[in-house]
C-alpha cells in the first residue's frame, strides 16, 4: 500500500510539474516497474 501511494504521489507530482516526457520515457524503460 505504501509503495502504491508513493508511486501515485510521484506520478501526480510529475504530471503537475509537466513531466509528461519523463513519464513516457519511464513507461517505455520501466514498464514493469510502473505496472507493479
N, C-alpha and C. Protein backbone atom coordinates (compact mmCIF):
# COMPACT_ATOMS: atom_id res chain seq x y z
N UNK A 1 0.84 -1.20 0.00
CA UNK A 1 0.00 0.00 0.00
C UNK A 1 0.89 1.26 0.00
N UNK A 2 1.88 1.24 0.84
CA UNK A 2 2.77 2.41 0.94
C UNK A 2 3.45 2.64 -0.41
N UNK A 3 3.88 1.57 -1.04
CA UNK A 3 4.58 1.75 -2.33
C UNK A 3 3.61 2.34 -3.36
N UNK A 4 2.40 1.85 -3.37
CA UNK A 4 1.43 2.36 -4.36
C UNK A 4 1.18 3.85 -4.11
N UNK A 5 1.02 4.18 -2.84
CA UNK A 5 0.75 5.60 -2.51
C UNK A 5 1.93 6.46 -2.93
N UNK A 6 3.11 5.96 -2.68
CA UNK A 6 4.33 6.73 -3.04
C UNK A 6 4.39 6.89 -4.55
N UNK A 7 4.11 5.82 -5.26
CA UNK A 7 4.19 5.87 -6.73
C UNK A 7 3.12 6.83 -7.26
N UNK A 8 1.94 6.75 -6.66
CA UNK A 8 0.85 7.62 -7.12
C UNK A 8 1.25 9.08 -6.92
N UNK A 9 1.82 9.36 -5.77
CA UNK A 9 2.25 10.73 -5.48
C UNK A 9 3.32 11.17 -6.48
N UNK A 10 4.23 10.28 -6.78
CA UNK A 10 5.31 10.62 -7.72
C UNK A 10 4.72 10.93 -9.09
N UNK A 11 3.78 10.11 -9.52
CA UNK A 11 3.15 10.31 -10.84
C UNK A 11 2.41 11.65 -10.85
N UNK A 12 1.67 11.88 -9.79
CA UNK A 12 0.89 13.13 -9.72
C UNK A 12 1.84 14.32 -9.74
N UNK A 13 2.93 14.22 -9.03
CA UNK A 13 3.90 15.35 -8.97
C UNK A 13 4.49 15.54 -10.37
N UNK A 14 4.83 14.45 -11.01
CA UNK A 14 5.44 14.55 -12.35
C UNK A 14 4.45 15.22 -13.31
N UNK A 15 3.21 14.85 -13.21
CA UNK A 15 2.19 15.43 -14.12
C UNK A 15 2.04 16.92 -13.82
N UNK A 16 2.02 17.23 -12.54
CA UNK A 16 1.87 18.64 -12.15
C UNK A 16 3.05 19.46 -12.65
N UNK A 17 4.22 18.88 -12.56
CA UNK A 17 5.45 19.60 -12.98
C UNK A 17 5.51 19.59 -14.51
N UNK A 18 4.63 18.88 -15.14
CA UNK A 18 4.69 18.84 -16.63
C UNK A 18 5.76 17.86 -17.06
N UNK A 19 5.89 16.76 -16.36
CA UNK A 19 6.92 15.76 -16.76
C UNK A 19 6.29 14.65 -17.58
N UNK A 20 5.60 15.06 -18.63
CA UNK A 20 4.95 14.02 -19.48
C UNK A 20 6.02 13.23 -20.22
N UNK A 21 7.06 13.91 -20.64
CA UNK A 21 8.15 13.22 -21.38
C UNK A 21 8.80 12.19 -20.46
N UNK A 22 9.01 12.59 -19.23
CA UNK A 22 9.65 11.66 -18.27
C UNK A 22 8.75 10.43 -18.06
N UNK A 23 7.45 10.69 -17.96
CA UNK A 23 6.51 9.58 -17.74
C UNK A 23 6.58 8.61 -18.92
N UNK A 24 6.59 9.18 -20.11
CA UNK A 24 6.61 8.33 -21.32
C UNK A 24 7.92 7.53 -21.33
N UNK A 25 9.00 8.20 -21.04
CA UNK A 25 10.32 7.53 -21.10
C UNK A 25 10.35 6.44 -20.02
N UNK A 26 9.84 6.76 -18.87
CA UNK A 26 9.89 5.78 -17.76
C UNK A 26 8.95 4.63 -18.12
N UNK A 27 7.87 4.91 -18.73
CA UNK A 27 6.88 3.84 -19.06
C UNK A 27 7.55 2.90 -20.06
N UNK A 28 8.28 3.42 -21.00
CA UNK A 28 8.91 2.58 -22.05
C UNK A 28 10.08 1.79 -21.41
N UNK A 29 10.82 2.47 -20.57
CA UNK A 29 12.00 1.80 -19.99
C UNK A 29 11.57 0.91 -18.81
N UNK A 30 10.81 1.47 -17.89
CA UNK A 30 10.38 0.67 -16.72
C UNK A 30 8.89 0.40 -16.74
N UNK A 31 8.47 -0.27 -17.78
CA UNK A 31 7.01 -0.53 -17.88
C UNK A 31 6.59 -1.53 -16.77
N UNK A 32 7.45 -2.47 -16.49
CA UNK A 32 7.11 -3.47 -15.46
C UNK A 32 7.14 -2.78 -14.09
N UNK A 33 8.07 -1.90 -13.91
CA UNK A 33 8.18 -1.23 -12.59
C UNK A 33 6.92 -0.38 -12.35
N UNK A 34 6.49 0.33 -13.36
CA UNK A 34 5.30 1.19 -13.20
C UNK A 34 4.06 0.32 -12.99
N UNK A 35 4.03 -0.80 -13.69
CA UNK A 35 2.85 -1.68 -13.60
C UNK A 35 2.76 -2.27 -12.19
N UNK A 36 3.89 -2.57 -11.62
CA UNK A 36 3.89 -3.18 -10.27
C UNK A 36 3.31 -2.19 -9.30
